[in-house]
Amino acid sequence: DMKGINYPSFVDWWNQHKNRFLLKGNISKSTYTQIEETLKKNYNILSYTIDKIKELFK
C-alpha cells in the first residue's frame, strides 16, 4: 500500500529493493531508468532549494 508514503521513505524503500526488482524482472529496464532519473532530478531540485533557503538565513 503506497498511500500516504512520503518521499524519503520511498527513496529508502526503492534503494533497498530496486536491484532485486530488476533481477527478477518485476520492472523493465526503461521503468527502472525512468524512476532513477526522476528521483535524481527531484533530489537535485531539493538540494538546490535547501541551499537557497540557507543563503537567506546567513
PDB file of N, CA and C in Angstrom:
ATOM      1  N   ASP A   1       0.841  -1.196   0.000  1.00  0.00           N
ATOM      2  CA  ASP A   1       0.000   0.000   0.000  1.00  0.00           C
ATOM      3  C   ASP A   1       0.875   1.246   0.000  1.00  0.00           C
ATOM      4  N   MET A   2       0.865   1.975  -1.097  1.00  0.00           N
ATOM      5  CA  MET A   2       1.735   3.135  -1.255  1.00  0.00           C
ATOM      6  C   MET A   2       1.043   4.437  -0.843  1.00  0.00           C
ATOM      7  N   LYS A   3      -0.198   4.354  -0.365  1.00  0.00           N
ATOM      8  CA  LYS A   3      -0.909   5.574   0.023  1.00  0.00           C
ATOM      9  C   LYS A   3      -0.256   6.218   1.233  1.00  0.00           C
ATOM     10  N   GLY A   4      -0.070   7.517   1.178  1.00  0.00           N
ATOM     11  CA  GLY A   4       0.468   8.244   2.317  1.00  0.00           C
ATOM     12  C   GLY A   4       1.961   8.054   2.532  1.00  0.00           C
ATOM     13  N   ILE A   5       2.647   7.490   1.541  1.00  0.00           N
ATOM     14  CA  ILE A   5       4.094   7.286   1.705  1.00  0.00           C
ATOM     15  C   ILE A   5       4.799   8.605   1.392  1.00  0.00           C
ATOM     16  N   ASN A   6       5.809   8.939   2.172  1.00  0.00           N
ATOM     17  CA  ASN A   6       6.496  10.199   1.908  1.00  0.00           C
ATOM     18  C   ASN A   6       7.750   9.959   1.071  1.00  0.00           C
ATOM     19  N   TYR A   7       8.277  11.047   0.542  1.00  0.00           N
ATOM     20  CA  TYR A   7       9.382  10.954  -0.411  1.00  0.00           C
ATOM     21  C   TYR A   7      10.614  10.250   0.159  1.00  0.00           C
ATOM     22  N   PRO A   8      11.137  10.660   1.336  1.00  0.00           N
ATOM     23  CA  PRO A   8      12.344   9.978   1.851  1.00  0.00           C
ATOM     24  C   PRO A   8      12.143   8.489   2.095  1.00  0.00           C
ATOM     25  N   SER A   9      10.989   8.101   2.604  1.00  0.00           N
ATOM     26  CA  SER A   9      10.785   6.674   2.866  1.00  0.00           C
ATOM     27  C   SER A   9      10.644   5.893   1.560  1.00  0.00           C
ATOM     28  N   PHE A  10      10.082   6.518   0.519  1.00  0.00           N
ATOM     29  CA  PHE A  10      10.025   5.849  -0.780  1.00  0.00           C
ATOM     30  C   PHE A  10      11.422   5.642  -1.337  1.00  0.00           C
ATOM     31  N   VAL A  11      12.263   6.672  -1.232  1.00  0.00           N
ATOM     32  CA  VAL A  11      13.636   6.568  -1.740  1.00  0.00           C
ATOM     33  C   VAL A  11      14.385   5.449  -1.018  1.00  0.00           C
ATOM     34  N   ASP A  12      14.244   5.374   0.296  1.00  0.00           N
ATOM     35  CA  ASP A  12      14.877   4.293   1.063  1.00  0.00           C
ATOM     36  C   ASP A  12      14.379   2.932   0.601  1.00  0.00           C
ATOM     37  N   TRP A  13      13.062   2.811   0.459  1.00  0.00           N
ATOM     38  CA  TRP A  13      12.452   1.556   0.017  1.00  0.00           C
ATOM     39  C   TRP A  13      12.946   1.179  -1.379  1.00  0.00           C
ATOM     40  N   TRP A  14      12.956   2.160  -2.277  1.00  0.00           N
ATOM     41  CA  TRP A  14      13.393   1.930  -3.660  1.00  0.00           C
ATOM     42  C   TRP A  14      14.845   1.463  -3.689  1.00  0.00           C
ATOM     43  N   ASN A  15      15.722   2.167  -2.976  1.00  0.00           N
ATOM     44  CA  ASN A  15      17.141   1.807  -2.973  1.00  0.00           C
ATOM     45  C   ASN A  15      17.370   0.407  -2.416  1.00  0.00           C
ATOM     46  N   GLN A  16      16.537   0.009  -1.485  1.00  0.00           N
ATOM     47  CA  GLN A  16      16.650  -1.306  -0.862  1.00  0.00           C
ATOM     48  C   GLN A  16      16.241  -2.436  -1.818  1.00  0.00           C
ATOM     49  N   HIS A  17      15.265  -2.179  -2.679  1.00  0.00           N
ATOM     50  CA  HIS A  17      14.667  -3.258  -3.475  1.00  0.00           C
ATOM     51  C   HIS A  17      14.925  -3.191  -4.977  1.00  0.00           C
ATOM     52  N   LYS A  18      15.450  -2.067  -5.485  1.00  0.00           N
ATOM     53  CA  LYS A  18      15.499  -1.872  -6.938  1.00  0.00           C
ATOM     54  C   LYS A  18      16.288  -2.947  -7.683  1.00  0.00           C
ATOM     55  N   ASN A  19      17.411  -3.386  -7.150  1.00  0.00           N
ATOM     56  CA  ASN A  19      18.210  -4.392  -7.854  1.00  0.00           C
ATOM     57  C   ASN A  19      17.486  -5.730  -7.940  1.00  0.00           C
ATOM     58  N   ARG A  20      16.794  -6.079  -6.866  1.00  0.00           N
ATOM     59  CA  ARG A  20      16.022  -7.330  -6.858  1.00  0.00           C
ATOM     60  C   ARG A  20      14.872  -7.259  -7.869  1.00  0.00           C
ATOM     61  N   PHE A  21      14.197  -6.103  -7.924  1.00  0.00           N
ATOM     62  CA  PHE A  21      13.114  -5.927  -8.896  1.00  0.00           C
ATOM     63  C   PHE A  21      13.639  -6.125 -10.320  1.00  0.00           C
ATOM     64  N   LEU A  22      14.802  -5.546 -10.589  1.00  0.00           N
ATOM     65  CA  LEU A  22      15.398  -5.623 -11.920  1.00  0.00           C
ATOM     66  C   LEU A  22      15.806  -7.058 -12.240  1.00  0.00           C
ATOM     67  N   LEU A  23      16.463  -7.725 -11.296  1.00  0.00           N
ATOM     68  CA  LEU A  23      16.911  -9.104 -11.498  1.00  0.00           C
ATOM     69  C   LEU A  23      15.747 -10.062 -11.724  1.00  0.00           C
ATOM     70  N   LYS A  24      14.685  -9.890 -10.950  1.00  0.00           N
ATOM     71  CA  LYS A  24      13.523 -10.782 -11.057  1.00  0.00           C
ATOM     72  C   LYS A  24      12.639 -10.440 -12.253  1.00  0.00           C
ATOM     73  N   GLY A  25      12.896  -9.279 -12.862  1.00  0.00           N
ATOM     74  CA  GLY A  25      12.075  -8.866 -13.996  1.00  0.00           C
ATOM     75  C   GLY A  25      10.744  -8.267 -13.587  1.00  0.00           C
ATOM     76  N   ASN A  26      10.622  -7.827 -12.323  1.00  0.00           N
ATOM     77  CA  ASN A  26       9.389  -7.175 -11.876  1.00  0.00           C
ATOM     78  C   ASN A  26       9.158  -5.862 -12.624  1.00  0.00           C
ATOM     79  N   ILE A  27      10.250  -5.204 -13.002  1.00  0.00           N
ATOM     80  CA  ILE A  27      10.138  -3.950 -13.745  1.00  0.00           C
ATOM     81  C   ILE A  27      11.067  -4.002 -14.950  1.00  0.00           C
ATOM     82  N   SER A  28      10.701  -3.247 -15.973  1.00  0.00           N
ATOM     83  CA  SER A  28      11.540  -3.189 -17.167  1.00  0.00           C
ATOM     84  C   SER A  28      12.717  -2.253 -16.912  1.00  0.00           C
ATOM     85  N   LYS A  29      13.732  -2.396 -17.740  1.00  0.00           N
ATOM     86  CA  LYS A  29      14.912  -1.539 -17.634  1.00  0.00           C
ATOM     87  C   LYS A  29      14.520  -0.075 -17.851  1.00  0.00           C
ATOM     88  N   SER A  30      13.587   0.172 -18.757  1.00  0.00           N
ATOM     89  CA  SER A  30      13.188   1.560 -19.031  1.00  0.00           C
ATOM     90  C   SER A  30      12.441   2.172 -17.845  1.00  0.00           C
ATOM     91  N   THR A  31      11.603   1.384 -17.183  1.00  0.00           N
ATOM     92  CA  THR A  31      10.905   1.870 -15.988  1.00  0.00           C
ATOM     93  C   THR A  31      11.908   2.158 -14.883  1.00  0.00           C
ATOM     94  N   TYR A  32      12.852   1.245 -14.712  1.00  0.00           N
ATOM     95  CA  TYR A  32      13.911   1.407 -13.718  1.00  0.00           C
ATOM     96  C   TYR A  32      14.669   2.717 -13.960  1.00  0.00           C
ATOM     97  N   THR A  33      15.075   2.929 -15.205  1.00  0.00           N
ATOM     98  CA  THR A  33      15.829   4.134 -15.575  1.00  0.00           C
ATOM     99  C   THR A  33      14.997   5.389 -15.348  1.00  0.00           C
ATOM    100  N   GLN A  34      13.718   5.316 -15.688  1.00  0.00           N
ATOM    101  CA  GLN A  34      12.818   6.462 -15.514  1.00  0.00           C
ATOM    102  C   GLN A  34      12.692   6.836 -14.036  1.00  0.00           C
ATOM    103  N   ILE A  35      12.536   5.839 -13.180  1.00  0.00           N
ATOM    104  CA  ILE A  35      12.430   6.096 -11.736  1.00  0.00           C
ATOM    105  C   ILE A  35      13.732   6.697 -11.214  1.00  0.00           C
ATOM    106  N   GLU A  36      14.864   6.115 -11.610  1.00  0.00           N
ATOM    107  CA  GLU A  36      16.167   6.620 -11.169  1.00  0.00           C
ATOM    108  C   GLU A  36      16.366   8.081 -11.579  1.00  0.00           C
ATOM    109  N   GLU A  37      16.039   8.390 -12.832  1.00  0.00           N
ATOM    110  CA  GLU A  37      16.221   9.757 -13.341  1.00  0.00           C
ATOM    111  C   GLU A  37      15.302  10.745 -12.635  1.00  0.00           C
ATOM    112  N   THR A  38      14.072  10.339 -12.383  1.00  0.00           N
ATOM    113  CA  THR A  38      13.111  11.200 -11.686  1.00  0.00           C
ATOM    114  C   THR A  38      13.570  11.483 -10.265  1.00  0.00           C
ATOM    115  N   LEU A  39      14.030  10.441  -9.557  1.00  0.00           N
ATOM    116  CA  LEU A  39      14.500  10.629  -8.185  1.00  0.00           C
ATOM    117  C   LEU A  39      15.722  11.538  -8.152  1.00  0.00           C
ATOM    118  N   LYS A  40      16.618  11.356  -9.109  1.00  0.00           N
ATOM    119  CA  LYS A  40      17.826  12.181  -9.167  1.00  0.00           C
ATOM    120  C   LYS A  40      17.474  13.647  -9.430  1.00  0.00           C
ATOM    121  N   LYS A  41      16.549  13.859 -10.372  1.00  0.00           N
ATOM    122  CA  LYS A  41      16.117  15.220 -10.699  1.00  0.00           C
ATOM    123  C   LYS A  41      15.485  15.883  -9.474  1.00  0.00           C
ATOM    124  N   ASN A  42      14.581  15.159  -8.808  1.00  0.00           N
ATOM    125  CA  ASN A  42      13.926  15.704  -7.618  1.00  0.00           C
ATOM    126  C   ASN A  42      14.925  15.975  -6.507  1.00  0.00           C
ATOM    127  N   TYR A  43      15.909  15.095  -6.354  1.00  0.00           N
ATOM    128  CA  TYR A  43      16.937  15.292  -5.336  1.00  0.00           C
ATOM    129  C   TYR A  43      17.735  16.562  -5.630  1.00  0.00           C
ATOM    130  N   ASN A  44      18.078  16.771  -6.899  1.00  0.00           N
ATOM    131  CA  ASN A  44      18.832  17.963  -7.287  1.00  0.00           C
ATOM    132  C   ASN A  44      18.031  19.239  -7.036  1.00  0.00           C
ATOM    133  N   ILE A  45      16.735  19.206  -7.335  1.00  0.00           N
ATOM    134  CA  ILE A  45      15.860  20.360  -7.090  1.00  0.00           C
ATOM    135  C   ILE A  45      15.787  20.635  -5.588  1.00  0.00           C
ATOM    136  N   LEU A  46      15.633  19.584  -4.805  1.00  0.00           N
ATOM    137  CA  LEU A  46      15.554  19.716  -3.350  1.00  0.00           C
ATOM    138  C   LEU A  46      16.854  20.290  -2.778  1.00  0.00           C
ATOM    139  N   SER A  47      17.988  19.765  -3.227  1.00  0.00           N
ATOM    140  CA  SER A  47      19.288  20.255  -2.753  1.00  0.00           C
ATOM    141  C   SER A  47      19.471  21.733  -3.087  1.00  0.00           C
ATOM    142  N   TYR A  48      19.108  22.101  -4.313  1.00  0.00           N
ATOM    143  CA  TYR A  48      19.217  23.486  -4.756  1.00  0.00           C
ATOM    144  C   TYR A  48      18.343  24.386  -3.882  1.00  0.00           C
ATOM    145  N   THR A  49      17.120  23.961  -3.630  1.00  0.00           N
ATOM    146  CA  THR A  49      16.178  24.735  -2.815  1.00  0.00           C
ATOM    147  C   THR A  49      16.701  24.913  -1.394  1.00  0.00           C
ATOM    148  N   ILE A  50      17.219  23.844  -0.802  1.00  0.00           N
ATOM    149  CA  ILE A  50      17.772  23.913   0.557  1.00  0.00           C
ATOM    150  C   ILE A  50      18.945  24.889   0.604  1.00  0.00           C
ATOM    151  N   ASP A  51      19.815  24.837  -0.402  1.00  0.00           N
ATOM    152  CA  ASP A  51      20.948  25.770  -0.466  1.00  0.00           C
ATOM    153  C   ASP A  51      20.473  27.217  -0.537  1.00  0.00           C
ATOM    154  N   LYS A  52      19.441  27.472  -1.337  1.00  0.00           N
ATOM    155  CA  LYS A  52      18.906  28.831  -1.471  1.00  0.00           C
ATOM    156  C   LYS A  52      18.302  29.310  -0.144  1.00  0.00           C
ATOM    157  N   ILE A  53      17.598  28.433   0.543  1.00  0.00           N
ATOM    158  CA  ILE A  53      17.000  28.784   1.833  1.00  0.00           C
ATOM    159  C   ILE A  53      18.095  29.082   2.858  1.00  0.00           C
ATOM    160  N   LYS A  54      19.145  28.276   2.866  1.00  0.00           N
ATOM    161  CA  LYS A  54      20.264  28.506   3.789  1.00  0.00           C
ATOM    162  C   LYS A  54      20.889  29.879   3.556  1.00  0.00           C
ATOM    163  N   GLU A  55      21.008  30.274   2.280  1.00  0.00           N
ATOM    164  CA  GLU A  55      21.578  31.585   1.943  1.00  0.00           C
ATOM    165  C   GLU A  55      20.758  32.720   2.548  1.00  0.00           C
ATOM    166  N   LEU A  56      19.444  32.542   2.595  1.00  0.00           N
ATOM    167  CA  LEU A  56      18.568  33.576   3.144  1.00  0.00           C
ATOM    168  C   LEU A  56      18.818  33.815   4.633  1.00  0.00           C
ATOM    169  N   PHE A  57      19.292  32.784   5.324  1.00  0.00           N
ATOM    170  CA  PHE A  57      19.460  32.871   6.774  1.00  0.00           C
ATOM    171  C   PHE A  57      20.907  33.029   7.212  1.00  0.00           C
ATOM    172  N   LYS A  58      21.765  33.424   6.276  1.00  0.00           N
ATOM    173  CA  LYS A  58      23.178  33.631   6.626  1.00  0.00           C
ATOM    174  C   LYS A  58      23.341  34.894   7.440  1.00  0.00           C
TER     175      LYS A  58
END
